[in-house]
Amino acid sequence: MKYTSKDLDKESALPTAERILFRLKTKGPASTAVLAQELAMTSEAARLQVQKLLAEGLIAGLQETGGGAGRPRQNWELSAAGHARFPDSHAQLTIQLIGSIKTLFGEAGLERLIGQREEEMRADYLRACAGLTGVEAKLEKLAAVRSAEGYMARLEADGKDWLLIEDHCPICAAAQSCQGFCRSELQLFREVIGTDAAVEREEHLLAGARRCVYRICRSKDGKA
């Protein structure tokens, strides 16, 4: 099953095996026992589903380090094939197109393409948040727009701050091939939120993290 953005909006209706993949994608590695508890199934049912996904090459084992004496706990995480089940915006074709643009128009041509994409994103995000007042309202709209674009974005409160979490990157292959494709996102978010809050990237997929996370701190004179 290849997920689409619409599938990700109705996660609770997915078959059990896909729900496990979705859980590992959005929350990271977990043991069989944790999966059983969070997905409200028996330990045996969870074990059977895990073995099925393992046999299909969609998950891989990850031994938990530390924790004292005794046998290390076995956690499960998505394999490369598991990650590939989520939207990737036609990764292989995108990489080929980037290579062709470099060949035909050079680095300058590629920079013009990236710049055009940045301008379109800026216009779309500012238009979506136009008329909204308050940091939280803008963040909720931004998360909704990013989620619709395939980023599996969500907003969480963290004390007095907010976290904009993106559990998936639909342009990951393109960004790995040319990091310019995601260089501007932090600046774009800052422009959308405005001066009422500060935005910093805490986790970055291209830096080895499993997702991208942005922390938003309200400025002293910012509005809620």
N, C-alpha and C. Protein backbone atom coordinates (compact mmCIF):
# COMPACT_ATOMS: atom_id res chain seq x y z
N MET A 1 0.84 -1.20 0.00
CA MET A 1 0.00 0.00 0.00
C MET A 1 0.87 1.24 0.00
N LYS A 2 0.64 2.14 -0.93
CA LYS A 2 1.37 3.40 -1.00
C LYS A 2 0.45 4.49 -0.47
N TYR A 3 0.86 5.18 0.58
CA TYR A 3 0.01 6.16 1.20
C TYR A 3 -0.09 7.42 0.37
N THR A 4 -1.24 8.08 0.47
CA THR A 4 -1.42 9.42 -0.07
C THR A 4 -1.71 10.34 1.10
N SER A 5 -1.74 11.65 0.85
CA SER A 5 -2.04 12.59 1.92
C SER A 5 -3.42 12.36 2.51
N LYS A 6 -4.38 11.95 1.67
CA LYS A 6 -5.73 11.69 2.17
C LYS A 6 -5.74 10.49 3.12
N ASP A 7 -4.95 9.46 2.80
CA ASP A 7 -4.87 8.29 3.69
C ASP A 7 -4.38 8.70 5.07
N LEU A 8 -3.43 9.61 5.13
CA LEU A 8 -2.83 10.00 6.39
C LEU A 8 -3.80 10.80 7.25
N ASP A 9 -4.84 11.36 6.66
CA ASP A 9 -5.83 12.11 7.41
C ASP A 9 -6.83 11.19 8.11
N LYS A 10 -6.88 9.93 7.74
CA LYS A 10 -7.82 8.98 8.35
C LYS A 10 -7.07 7.75 8.86
N GLU A 11 -6.02 8.02 9.63
CA GLU A 11 -5.13 6.97 10.13
C GLU A 11 -5.86 5.90 10.90
N SER A 12 -6.89 6.28 11.69
CA SER A 12 -7.59 5.32 12.53
C SER A 12 -8.34 4.27 11.71
N ALA A 13 -8.61 4.55 10.44
CA ALA A 13 -9.34 3.61 9.59
C ALA A 13 -8.41 2.67 8.82
N LEU A 14 -7.11 2.84 8.96
CA LEU A 14 -6.16 2.00 8.25
C LEU A 14 -6.12 0.60 8.85
N PRO A 15 -5.75 -0.42 8.06
CA PRO A 15 -5.55 -1.76 8.61
C PRO A 15 -4.47 -1.74 9.68
N THR A 16 -4.47 -2.77 10.53
CA THR A 16 -3.58 -2.79 11.69
C THR A 16 -2.12 -2.64 11.30
N ALA A 17 -1.67 -3.36 10.29
CA ALA A 17 -0.26 -3.28 9.89
C ALA A 17 0.12 -1.87 9.48
N GLU A 18 -0.77 -1.19 8.75
CA GLU A 18 -0.50 0.18 8.33
C GLU A 18 -0.52 1.14 9.51
N ARG A 19 -1.37 0.85 10.50
CA ARG A 19 -1.40 1.69 11.70
C ARG A 19 -0.07 1.59 12.46
N ILE A 20 0.53 0.41 12.45
CA ILE A 20 1.83 0.25 13.09
C ILE A 20 2.88 1.07 12.35
N LEU A 21 2.87 1.00 11.03
CA LEU A 21 3.81 1.80 10.24
C LEU A 21 3.61 3.29 10.51
N PHE A 22 2.36 3.70 10.56
CA PHE A 22 2.05 5.11 10.80
C PHE A 22 2.55 5.53 12.18
N ARG A 23 2.36 4.67 13.17
CA ARG A 23 2.81 4.99 14.53
C ARG A 23 4.33 5.12 14.59
N LEU A 24 5.05 4.20 13.94
CA LEU A 24 6.51 4.26 13.93
C LEU A 24 7.01 5.49 13.17
N LYS A 25 6.26 5.88 12.15
CA LYS A 25 6.64 7.06 11.38
C LYS A 25 6.48 8.33 12.20
N THR A 26 5.38 8.45 12.93
CA THR A 26 5.07 9.68 13.62
C THR A 26 5.68 9.80 15.02
N LYS A 27 5.96 8.66 15.67
CA LYS A 27 6.45 8.70 17.05
C LYS A 27 7.81 8.04 17.25
N GLY A 28 8.33 7.42 16.21
CA GLY A 28 9.65 6.82 16.33
C GLY A 28 9.62 5.38 16.80
N PRO A 29 10.80 4.80 17.07
CA PRO A 29 10.91 3.38 17.43
C PRO A 29 10.08 3.01 18.66
N ALA A 30 9.61 1.76 18.68
CA ALA A 30 8.80 1.27 19.81
C ALA A 30 8.92 -0.24 19.88
N SER A 31 8.73 -0.76 21.08
CA SER A 31 8.74 -2.22 21.28
C SER A 31 7.39 -2.79 20.91
N THR A 32 7.33 -4.11 20.80
CA THR A 32 6.07 -4.79 20.51
C THR A 32 5.05 -4.50 21.60
N ALA A 33 5.50 -4.49 22.85
CA ALA A 33 4.59 -4.24 23.96
C ALA A 33 3.99 -2.84 23.90
N VAL A 34 4.81 -1.86 23.55
CA VAL A 34 4.32 -0.49 23.45
C VAL A 34 3.32 -0.37 22.30
N LEU A 35 3.62 -1.01 21.18
CA LEU A 35 2.70 -0.98 20.04
C LEU A 35 1.36 -1.58 20.41
N ALA A 36 1.40 -2.70 21.13
CA ALA A 36 0.16 -3.36 21.55
C ALA A 36 -0.66 -2.44 22.44
N GLN A 37 0.00 -1.77 23.36
CA GLN A 37 -0.70 -0.89 24.29
C GLN A 37 -1.29 0.32 23.58
N GLU A 38 -0.50 0.98 22.75
CA GLU A 38 -0.95 2.21 22.12
C GLU A 38 -2.02 1.96 21.05
N LEU A 39 -1.97 0.80 20.41
CA LEU A 39 -2.93 0.50 19.34
C LEU A 39 -4.07 -0.39 19.82
N ALA A 40 -4.13 -0.62 21.15
CA ALA A 40 -5.23 -1.36 21.77
C ALA A 40 -5.42 -2.74 21.15
N MET A 41 -4.36 -3.55 21.16
CA MET A 41 -4.45 -4.92 20.67
C MET A 41 -3.72 -5.84 21.65
N THR A 42 -3.92 -7.11 21.50
CA THR A 42 -3.25 -8.05 22.38
C THR A 42 -1.77 -8.15 22.02
N SER A 43 -0.98 -8.61 22.97
CA SER A 43 0.45 -8.77 22.72
C SER A 43 0.70 -9.74 21.58
N GLU A 44 -0.09 -10.82 21.53
CA GLU A 44 0.09 -11.81 20.47
C GLU A 44 -0.25 -11.23 19.10
N ALA A 45 -1.32 -10.45 19.04
CA ALA A 45 -1.71 -9.83 17.77
C ALA A 45 -0.63 -8.85 17.30
N ALA A 46 -0.09 -8.08 18.23
CA ALA A 46 0.97 -7.14 17.88
C ALA A 46 2.21 -7.88 17.40
N ARG A 47 2.54 -8.97 18.07
CA ARG A 47 3.72 -9.76 17.69
C ARG A 47 3.56 -10.30 16.27
N LEU A 48 2.38 -10.80 15.94
CA LEU A 48 2.14 -11.35 14.60
C LEU A 48 2.25 -10.26 13.53
N GLN A 49 1.72 -9.07 13.83
CA GLN A 49 1.80 -7.98 12.87
C GLN A 49 3.24 -7.52 12.67
N VAL A 50 3.99 -7.46 13.77
CA VAL A 50 5.40 -7.07 13.69
C VAL A 50 6.18 -8.06 12.85
N GLN A 51 5.95 -9.35 13.07
CA GLN A 51 6.65 -10.37 12.30
C GLN A 51 6.30 -10.28 10.81
N LYS A 52 5.06 -9.95 10.52
CA LYS A 52 4.64 -9.78 9.12
C LYS A 52 5.38 -8.61 8.48
N LEU A 53 5.42 -7.49 9.18
CA LEU A 53 6.09 -6.30 8.64
C LEU A 53 7.60 -6.53 8.52
N LEU A 54 8.16 -7.29 9.46
CA LEU A 54 9.58 -7.60 9.42
C LEU A 54 9.89 -8.47 8.21
N ALA A 55 9.04 -9.47 7.95
CA ALA A 55 9.23 -10.36 6.81
C ALA A 55 9.12 -9.61 5.49
N GLU A 56 8.29 -8.57 5.46
CA GLU A 56 8.10 -7.77 4.24
C GLU A 56 9.20 -6.72 4.08
N GLY A 57 10.08 -6.62 5.07
CA GLY A 57 11.17 -5.67 4.98
C GLY A 57 10.77 -4.23 5.23
N LEU A 58 9.62 -4.02 5.87
CA LEU A 58 9.13 -2.66 6.10
C LEU A 58 9.58 -2.08 7.43
N ILE A 59 10.02 -2.94 8.36
CA ILE A 59 10.56 -2.47 9.62
C ILE A 59 11.88 -3.19 9.90
N ALA A 60 12.63 -2.67 10.84
CA ALA A 60 13.91 -3.28 11.22
C ALA A 60 14.06 -3.21 12.73
N GLY A 61 14.83 -4.13 13.28
CA GLY A 61 15.05 -4.16 14.72
C GLY A 61 16.05 -3.10 15.15
N LEU A 62 15.84 -2.59 16.34
CA LEU A 62 16.73 -1.58 16.91
C LEU A 62 16.85 -1.87 18.39
N GLN A 63 18.03 -2.33 18.82
CA GLN A 63 18.21 -2.65 20.23
C GLN A 63 18.40 -1.39 21.04
N GLU A 64 17.66 -1.31 22.13
CA GLU A 64 17.73 -0.16 23.01
C GLU A 64 18.98 -0.24 23.87
N THR A 65 19.81 0.77 23.82
CA THR A 65 21.05 0.76 24.59
C THR A 65 20.81 1.30 25.98
N GLY A 66 21.67 0.91 26.92
CA GLY A 66 21.54 1.38 28.28
C GLY A 66 20.43 0.65 29.02
N GLY A 67 20.00 1.19 30.13
CA GLY A 67 18.89 0.60 30.87
C GLY A 67 19.32 -0.43 31.88
N GLY A 68 20.63 -0.55 32.16
CA GLY A 68 21.07 -1.46 33.20
C GLY A 68 21.34 -2.85 32.69
N ALA A 69 21.45 -3.79 33.65
CA ALA A 69 21.77 -5.17 33.31
C ALA A 69 20.58 -5.87 32.67
N GLY A 70 20.88 -7.01 32.06
CA GLY A 70 19.81 -7.78 31.43
C GLY A 70 19.84 -7.65 29.92
N ARG A 71 18.97 -8.38 29.30
CA ARG A 71 18.90 -8.41 27.83
C ARG A 71 18.37 -7.08 27.29
N PRO A 72 19.06 -6.47 26.30
CA PRO A 72 18.57 -5.21 25.73
C PRO A 72 17.17 -5.37 25.13
N ARG A 73 16.34 -4.35 25.28
CA ARG A 73 14.99 -4.41 24.74
C ARG A 73 15.02 -4.20 23.24
N GLN A 74 14.20 -4.97 22.53
CA GLN A 74 14.12 -4.88 21.08
C GLN A 74 13.04 -3.89 20.68
N ASN A 75 13.45 -2.83 20.03
CA ASN A 75 12.49 -1.88 19.47
C ASN A 75 12.41 -2.07 17.97
N TRP A 76 11.41 -1.45 17.37
CA TRP A 76 11.21 -1.54 15.93
C TRP A 76 11.15 -0.15 15.33
N GLU A 77 11.75 0.00 14.16
CA GLU A 77 11.72 1.26 13.44
C GLU A 77 11.47 1.00 11.96
N LEU A 78 11.05 2.02 11.25
CA LEU A 78 10.82 1.86 9.82
C LEU A 78 12.13 1.63 9.07
N SER A 79 12.10 0.72 8.11
CA SER A 79 13.24 0.54 7.22
C SER A 79 13.12 1.56 6.08
N ALA A 80 14.09 1.57 5.19
CA ALA A 80 14.00 2.47 4.03
C ALA A 80 12.75 2.17 3.22
N ALA A 81 12.41 0.88 3.10
CA ALA A 81 11.20 0.50 2.37
C ALA A 81 9.95 0.97 3.09
N GLY A 82 10.00 0.95 4.43
CA GLY A 82 8.86 1.44 5.20
C GLY A 82 8.65 2.93 5.02
N HIS A 83 9.74 3.68 5.06
CA HIS A 83 9.63 5.13 4.83
C HIS A 83 9.10 5.42 3.42
N ALA A 84 9.46 4.57 2.47
CA ALA A 84 9.06 4.79 1.08
C ALA A 84 7.57 4.60 0.86
N ARG A 85 6.86 4.04 1.86
CA ARG A 85 5.42 3.86 1.74
C ARG A 85 4.67 5.18 1.87
N PHE A 86 5.35 6.21 2.35
CA PHE A 86 4.71 7.50 2.56
C PHE A 86 4.99 8.41 1.36
N PRO A 87 4.16 9.44 1.17
CA PRO A 87 4.30 10.29 -0.02
C PRO A 87 5.72 10.80 -0.22
N ASP A 88 6.24 10.69 -1.41
CA ASP A 88 7.60 11.16 -1.69
C ASP A 88 7.68 12.08 -2.90
N SER A 89 6.53 12.51 -3.40
CA SER A 89 6.49 13.45 -4.53
C SER A 89 7.35 12.97 -5.70
N HIS A 90 7.22 11.69 -6.05
CA HIS A 90 7.90 11.13 -7.22
C HIS A 90 9.41 11.35 -7.15
N ALA A 91 10.01 10.76 -6.13
CA ALA A 91 11.41 11.03 -5.80
C ALA A 91 12.37 10.81 -6.96
N GLN A 92 12.30 9.66 -7.61
CA GLN A 92 13.27 9.35 -8.64
C GLN A 92 13.19 10.33 -9.81
N LEU A 93 11.96 10.64 -10.22
CA LEU A 93 11.78 11.59 -11.31
C LEU A 93 12.33 12.97 -10.91
N THR A 94 12.08 13.37 -9.67
CA THR A 94 12.56 14.66 -9.20
C THR A 94 14.08 14.74 -9.25
N ILE A 95 14.76 13.69 -8.80
CA ILE A 95 16.22 13.66 -8.82
C ILE A 95 16.74 13.75 -10.26
N GLN A 96 16.08 13.03 -11.17
CA GLN A 96 16.50 13.07 -12.56
C GLN A 96 16.32 14.47 -13.15
N LEU A 97 15.22 15.12 -12.79
CA LEU A 97 14.97 16.47 -13.30
C LEU A 97 16.00 17.46 -12.77
N ILE A 98 16.37 17.32 -11.50
CA ILE A 98 17.39 18.20 -10.92
C ILE A 98 18.70 18.03 -11.69
N GLY A 99 19.07 16.78 -11.97
CA GLY A 99 20.28 16.53 -12.73
C GLY A 99 20.22 17.14 -14.12
N SER A 100 19.06 17.04 -14.76
CA SER A 100 18.90 17.59 -16.10
C SER A 100 19.00 19.11 -16.09
N ILE A 101 18.41 19.74 -15.08
CA ILE A 101 18.47 21.20 -14.98
C ILE A 101 19.91 21.66 -14.79
N LYS A 102 20.66 20.95 -13.95
CA LYS A 102 22.07 21.30 -13.75
C LYS A 102 22.85 21.18 -15.05
N THR A 103 22.57 20.11 -15.81
CA THR A 103 23.28 19.89 -17.06
C THR A 103 22.95 20.96 -18.09
N LEU A 104 21.66 21.28 -18.21
CA LEU A 104 21.22 22.21 -19.25
C LEU A 104 21.47 23.67 -18.90
N PHE A 105 21.26 24.04 -17.64
CA PHE A 105 21.28 25.46 -17.27
C PHE A 105 22.33 25.81 -16.20
N GLY A 106 23.03 24.79 -15.71
CA GLY A 106 24.06 25.04 -14.71
C GLY A 106 23.48 25.34 -13.33
N GLU A 107 24.37 25.64 -12.38
CA GLU A 107 23.95 25.94 -11.02
C GLU A 107 23.07 27.19 -10.96
N ALA A 108 23.36 28.14 -11.83
CA ALA A 108 22.56 29.38 -11.84
C ALA A 108 21.11 29.09 -12.19
N GLY A 109 20.90 28.19 -13.15
CA GLY A 109 19.54 27.82 -13.53
C GLY A 109 18.81 27.12 -12.40
N LEU A 110 19.54 26.25 -11.70
CA LEU A 110 18.93 25.54 -10.57
C LEU A 110 18.57 26.52 -9.46
N GLU A 111 19.43 27.51 -9.23
CA GLU A 111 19.15 28.52 -8.20
C GLU A 111 17.91 29.32 -8.55
N ARG A 112 17.71 29.61 -9.84
CA ARG A 112 16.52 30.34 -10.27
C ARG A 112 15.27 29.50 -10.00
N LEU A 113 15.36 28.20 -10.25
CA LEU A 113 14.23 27.30 -9.99
C LEU A 113 13.88 27.28 -8.50
N ILE A 114 14.91 27.16 -7.66
CA ILE A 114 14.69 27.13 -6.22
C ILE A 114 14.11 28.46 -5.74
N GLY A 115 14.63 29.55 -6.29
CA GLY A 115 14.12 30.87 -5.92
C GLY A 115 12.66 31.04 -6.29
N GLN A 116 12.26 30.52 -7.45
CA GLN A 116 10.87 30.60 -7.87
C GLN A 116 9.97 29.80 -6.94
N ARG A 117 10.44 28.62 -6.53
CA ARG A 117 9.67 27.80 -5.59
C ARG A 117 9.51 28.53 -4.26
N GLU A 118 10.57 29.17 -3.79
CA GLU A 118 10.51 29.91 -2.53
C GLU A 118 9.47 31.03 -2.62
N GLU A 119 9.44 31.74 -3.72
CA GLU A 119 8.49 32.85 -3.88
C GLU A 119 7.06 32.33 -3.89
N GLU A 120 6.82 31.20 -4.55
CA GLU A 120 5.48 30.63 -4.59
C GLU A 120 5.03 30.17 -3.21
N MET A 121 5.95 29.53 -2.47
CA MET A 121 5.63 29.09 -1.11
C MET A 121 5.33 30.29 -0.22
N ARG A 122 6.13 31.33 -0.32
CA ARG A 122 5.92 32.53 0.49
C ARG A 122 4.54 33.12 0.23
N ALA A 123 4.18 33.24 -1.03
CA ALA A 123 2.88 33.80 -1.39
C ALA A 123 1.74 32.91 -0.86
N ASP A 124 1.88 31.59 -1.00
CA ASP A 124 0.83 30.67 -0.54
C ASP A 124 0.65 30.74 0.97
N TYR A 125 1.75 30.74 1.72
CA TYR A 125 1.67 30.74 3.18
C TYR A 125 1.14 32.06 3.71
N LEU A 126 1.61 33.16 3.15
CA LEU A 126 1.14 34.47 3.60
C LEU A 126 -0.34 34.66 3.27
N ARG A 127 -0.77 34.15 2.13
CA ARG A 127 -2.18 34.24 1.76
C ARG A 127 -3.04 33.39 2.69
N ALA A 128 -2.55 32.20 3.05
CA ALA A 128 -3.31 31.31 3.93
C ALA A 128 -3.49 31.92 5.32
N CYS A 129 -2.49 32.67 5.78
CA CYS A 129 -2.53 33.23 7.14
C CYS A 129 -3.01 34.68 7.17
N ALA A 130 -3.36 35.21 6.02
CA ALA A 130 -3.82 36.60 5.96
C ALA A 130 -5.08 36.77 6.82
N GLY A 131 -5.12 37.80 7.62
CA GLY A 131 -6.30 38.07 8.44
C GLY A 131 -6.29 37.39 9.79
N LEU A 132 -5.37 36.45 10.00
CA LEU A 132 -5.30 35.76 11.28
C LEU A 132 -4.52 36.61 12.28
N THR A 133 -4.98 36.61 13.52
CA THR A 133 -4.28 37.34 14.57
C THR A 133 -3.83 36.36 15.64
N GLY A 134 -2.68 36.59 16.20
CA GLY A 134 -2.15 35.71 17.23
C GLY A 134 -1.26 34.63 16.65
N VAL A 135 -0.23 34.29 17.40
CA VAL A 135 0.75 33.31 16.96
C VAL A 135 0.14 31.94 16.77
N GLU A 136 -0.66 31.49 17.73
CA GLU A 136 -1.19 30.14 17.67
C GLU A 136 -2.09 29.93 16.46
N ALA A 137 -2.91 30.90 16.14
CA ALA A 137 -3.80 30.78 14.99
C ALA A 137 -3.00 30.64 13.70
N LYS A 138 -1.93 31.41 13.58
CA LYS A 138 -1.08 31.31 12.39
C LYS A 138 -0.38 29.96 12.32
N LEU A 139 0.08 29.48 13.47
CA LEU A 139 0.76 28.19 13.50
C LEU A 139 -0.18 27.05 13.14
N GLU A 140 -1.40 27.10 13.63
CA GLU A 140 -2.38 26.06 13.29
C GLU A 140 -2.66 26.04 11.79
N LYS A 141 -2.79 27.22 11.21
CA LYS A 141 -3.02 27.28 9.76
C LYS A 141 -1.80 26.80 8.99
N LEU A 142 -0.61 27.20 9.44
CA LEU A 142 0.62 26.78 8.77
C LEU A 142 0.78 25.26 8.84
N ALA A 143 0.47 24.66 10.00
CA ALA A 143 0.55 23.21 10.14
C ALA A 143 -0.43 22.52 9.20
N ALA A 144 -1.63 23.09 9.06
CA ALA A 144 -2.64 22.50 8.17
C ALA A 144 -2.19 22.57 6.72
N VAL A 145 -1.60 23.69 6.33
CA VAL A 145 -1.12 23.84 4.95
C VAL A 145 0.03 22.87 4.68
N ARG A 146 0.96 22.79 5.60
CA ARG A 146 2.10 21.89 5.42
C ARG A 146 1.65 20.43 5.40
N SER A 147 0.68 20.09 6.23
CA SER A 147 0.17 18.72 6.24
C SER A 147 -0.49 18.38 4.90
N ALA A 148 -1.23 19.33 4.35
CA ALA A 148 -1.86 19.11 3.05
C ALA A 148 -0.82 18.92 1.95
N GLU A 149 0.38 19.48 2.15
CA GLU A 149 1.46 19.33 1.18
C GLU A 149 2.23 18.02 1.36
N GLY A 150 1.85 17.23 2.39
CA GLY A 150 2.47 15.92 2.58
C GLY A 150 3.51 15.85 3.68
N TYR A 151 3.64 16.92 4.49
CA TYR A 151 4.67 16.94 5.52
C TYR A 151 4.25 16.29 6.84
N MET A 152 3.01 15.82 6.93
CA MET A 152 2.50 15.23 8.18
C MET A 152 2.79 16.16 9.34
N ALA A 153 2.43 17.42 9.17
CA ALA A 153 2.75 18.45 10.16
C ALA A 153 1.69 18.51 11.25
N ARG A 154 2.13 18.85 12.46
CA ARG A 154 1.22 19.01 13.59
C ARG A 154 1.82 20.01 14.55
N LEU A 155 0.94 20.61 15.34
CA LEU A 155 1.36 21.62 16.31
C LEU A 155 1.16 21.07 17.72
N GLU A 156 2.18 21.19 18.55
CA GLU A 156 2.10 20.75 19.93
C GLU A 156 2.56 21.86 20.86
N ALA A 157 1.91 21.95 22.02
CA ALA A 157 2.34 22.89 23.04
C ALA A 157 3.49 22.27 23.83
N ASP A 158 4.48 23.09 24.17
CA ASP A 158 5.61 22.63 24.98
C ASP A 158 5.90 23.71 26.01
N GLY A 159 5.22 23.63 27.16
CA GLY A 159 5.31 24.70 28.13
C GLY A 159 4.71 25.97 27.56
N LYS A 160 5.49 27.05 27.57
CA LYS A 160 5.02 28.31 27.00
C LYS A 160 5.30 28.41 25.51
N ASP A 161 5.99 27.42 24.96
CA ASP A 161 6.34 27.43 23.54
C ASP A 161 5.41 26.51 22.75
N TRP A 162 5.60 26.52 21.43
CA TRP A 162 4.94 25.58 20.55
C TRP A 162 6.00 24.83 19.75
N LEU A 163 5.67 23.63 19.36
CA LEU A 163 6.51 22.84 18.47
C LEU A 163 5.74 22.57 17.19
N LEU A 164 6.32 22.97 16.08
CA LEU A 164 5.77 22.61 14.77
C LEU A 164 6.56 21.38 14.32
N ILE A 165 5.88 20.23 14.30
CA ILE A 165 6.54 18.95 14.04
C ILE A 165 6.14 18.44 12.67
N GLU A 166 7.13 18.07 11.87
CA GLU A 166 6.88 17.49 10.55
C GLU A 166 7.47 16.09 10.54
N ASP A 167 6.59 15.09 10.60
CA ASP A 167 7.03 13.71 10.70
C ASP A 167 7.46 13.12 9.35
N HIS A 168 7.21 13.83 8.27
CA HIS A 168 7.56 13.31 6.96
C HIS A 168 8.00 14.45 6.06
N CYS A 169 8.87 14.15 5.12
CA CYS A 169 9.30 15.14 4.13
C CYS A 169 9.01 14.59 2.74
N PRO A 170 8.00 15.12 2.05
CA PRO A 170 7.65 14.60 0.72
C PRO A 170 8.66 14.95 -0.36
N ILE A 171 9.60 15.84 -0.05
CA ILE A 171 10.63 16.20 -1.03
C ILE A 171 12.01 15.78 -0.53
N CYS A 172 12.06 14.78 0.34
CA CYS A 172 13.32 14.40 0.97
C CYS A 172 14.38 14.04 -0.07
N ALA A 173 14.01 13.27 -1.07
CA ALA A 173 14.99 12.86 -2.08
C ALA A 173 15.54 14.07 -2.82
N ALA A 174 14.66 15.02 -3.15
CA ALA A 174 15.11 16.23 -3.83
C ALA A 174 16.01 17.06 -2.93
N ALA A 175 15.64 17.16 -1.65
CA ALA A 175 16.42 17.96 -0.71
C ALA A 175 17.79 17.34 -0.46
N GLN A 176 17.87 16.01 -0.45
CA GLN A 176 19.15 15.35 -0.28
C GLN A 176 20.04 15.57 -1.50
N SER A 177 19.40 15.62 -2.67
CA SER A 177 20.15 15.86 -3.90
C SER A 177 20.59 17.32 -4.02
N CYS A 178 19.74 18.21 -3.51
CA CYS A 178 20.04 19.64 -3.57
C CYS A 178 19.44 20.30 -2.33
N GLN A 179 20.26 20.59 -1.33
CA GLN A 179 19.75 21.06 -0.05
C GLN A 179 19.13 22.45 -0.13
N GLY A 180 19.29 23.11 -1.25
CA GLY A 180 18.66 24.41 -1.42
C GLY A 180 17.15 24.35 -1.36
N PHE A 181 16.58 23.16 -1.61
CA PHE A 181 15.13 23.05 -1.64
C PHE A 181 14.49 23.24 -0.27
N CYS A 182 15.24 23.05 0.80
CA CYS A 182 14.63 23.26 2.12
C CYS A 182 15.36 24.32 2.93
N ARG A 183 16.29 25.03 2.31
CA ARG A 183 17.07 26.02 3.06
C ARG A 183 16.20 27.18 3.51
N SER A 184 15.16 27.50 2.75
CA SER A 184 14.39 28.72 3.00
C SER A 184 13.22 28.52 3.94
N GLU A 185 12.92 27.28 4.31
CA GLU A 185 11.70 27.03 5.07
C GLU A 185 11.71 27.74 6.42
N LEU A 186 12.85 27.73 7.10
CA LEU A 186 12.93 28.40 8.40
C LEU A 186 12.63 29.89 8.24
N GLN A 187 13.21 30.51 7.24
CA GLN A 187 12.97 31.93 7.02
C GLN A 187 11.52 32.20 6.64
N LEU A 188 10.93 31.32 5.84
CA LEU A 188 9.53 31.47 5.45
C LEU A 188 8.61 31.41 6.67
N PHE A 189 8.88 30.46 7.56
CA PHE A 189 8.07 30.34 8.77
C PHE A 189 8.17 31.62 9.61
N ARG A 190 9.36 32.17 9.68
CA ARG A 190 9.55 33.40 10.45
C ARG A 190 8.76 34.55 9.84
N GLU A 191 8.72 34.63 8.52
CA GLU A 191 7.97 35.69 7.86
C GLU A 191 6.48 35.54 8.10
N VAL A 192 5.98 34.29 8.07
CA VAL A 192 4.56 34.05 8.27
C VAL A 192 4.13 34.39 9.69
N ILE A 193 4.93 33.99 10.69
CA ILE A 193 4.58 34.22 12.08
C ILE A 193 4.76 35.69 12.46
N GLY A 194 5.74 36.34 11.86
CA GLY A 194 5.97 37.75 12.14
C GLY A 194 6.83 37.96 13.38
N THR A 195 6.81 39.16 13.89
CA THR A 195 7.71 39.53 14.99
C THR A 195 7.16 39.17 16.36
N ASP A 196 5.96 38.58 16.41
CA ASP A 196 5.38 38.22 17.71
C ASP A 196 6.04 36.99 18.33
N ALA A 197 6.85 36.27 17.57
CA ALA A 197 7.48 35.06 18.09
C ALA A 197 8.78 34.79 17.34
N ALA A 198 9.65 34.02 18.00
CA ALA A 198 10.91 33.59 17.39
C ALA A 198 10.79 32.13 16.98
N VAL A 199 11.32 31.79 15.81
CA VAL A 199 11.24 30.43 15.28
C VAL A 199 12.65 29.88 15.10
N GLU A 200 12.91 28.70 15.67
CA GLU A 200 14.19 28.04 15.51
C GLU A 200 13.99 26.57 15.16
N ARG A 201 14.85 26.03 14.30
CA ARG A 201 14.78 24.60 13.96
C ARG A 201 15.58 23.81 14.98
N GLU A 202 14.94 22.85 15.64
CA GLU A 202 15.61 22.03 16.66
C GLU A 202 16.04 20.68 16.12
N GLU A 203 15.30 20.13 15.19
CA GLU A 203 15.65 18.86 14.56
C GLU A 203 15.53 19.01 13.06
N HIS A 204 16.46 18.37 12.33
CA HIS A 204 16.48 18.51 10.87
C HIS A 204 16.73 17.15 10.24
N LEU A 205 15.84 16.75 9.37
CA LEU A 205 15.94 15.45 8.72
C LEU A 205 17.27 15.28 7.99
N LEU A 206 17.70 16.32 7.32
CA LEU A 206 18.93 16.23 6.53
C LEU A 206 20.19 16.24 7.40
N ALA A 207 20.02 16.54 8.69
CA ALA A 207 21.15 16.50 9.62
C ALA A 207 21.19 15.18 10.40
N GLY A 208 20.33 14.24 10.01
CA GLY A 208 20.34 12.93 10.64
C GLY A 208 19.19 12.65 11.57
N ALA A 209 18.35 13.64 11.83
CA ALA A 209 17.18 13.42 12.67
C ALA A 209 16.13 12.64 11.87
N ARG A 210 15.14 12.09 12.57
CA ARG A 210 14.11 11.31 11.87
C ARG A 210 12.96 12.18 11.40
N ARG A 211 13.01 13.49 11.76
CA ARG A 211 11.94 14.42 11.38
C ARG A 211 12.48 15.84 11.52
N CYS A 212 11.67 16.82 11.12
CA CYS A 212 12.02 18.22 11.33
C CYS A 212 11.11 18.79 12.42
N VAL A 213 11.72 19.52 13.34
CA VAL A 213 10.97 20.13 14.44
C VAL A 213 11.39 21.59 14.59
N TYR A 214 10.40 22.47 14.67
CA TYR A 214 10.66 23.89 14.85
C TYR A 214 10.05 24.35 16.18
N ARG A 215 10.84 25.07 16.96
CA ARG A 215 10.36 25.61 18.23
C ARG A 215 9.98 27.08 18.03
N ILE A 216 8.79 27.43 18.50
CA ILE A 216 8.29 28.80 18.37
C ILE A 216 8.10 29.37 19.77
N CYS A 217 8.84 30.42 20.08
CA CYS A 217 8.77 31.08 21.39
C CYS A 217 8.14 32.46 21.22
N ARG A 218 7.08 32.71 21.96
CA ARG A 218 6.42 34.01 21.89
C ARG A 218 7.36 35.09 22.43
N SER A 219 7.46 36.20 21.71
CA SER A 219 8.28 37.30 22.19
C SER A 219 7.60 37.97 23.38
N LYS A 220 8.34 38.77 24.10
CA LYS A 220 7.81 39.35 25.34
C LYS A 220 6.56 40.16 25.10
N ASP A 221 6.50 40.86 23.98
CA ASP A 221 5.33 41.68 23.71
C ASP A 221 4.43 41.06 22.65
N GLY A 222 4.67 39.73 22.36
CA GLY A 222 3.86 39.05 21.36
C GLY A 222 2.48 38.72 21.87
N LYS A 223 1.57 38.52 20.94
CA LYS A 223 0.19 38.16 21.28
C LYS A 223 0.01 36.66 21.19
N ALA A 224 -0.91 36.11 21.98
CA ALA A 224 -1.15 34.66 22.01
C ALA A 224 -1.75 34.17 20.73
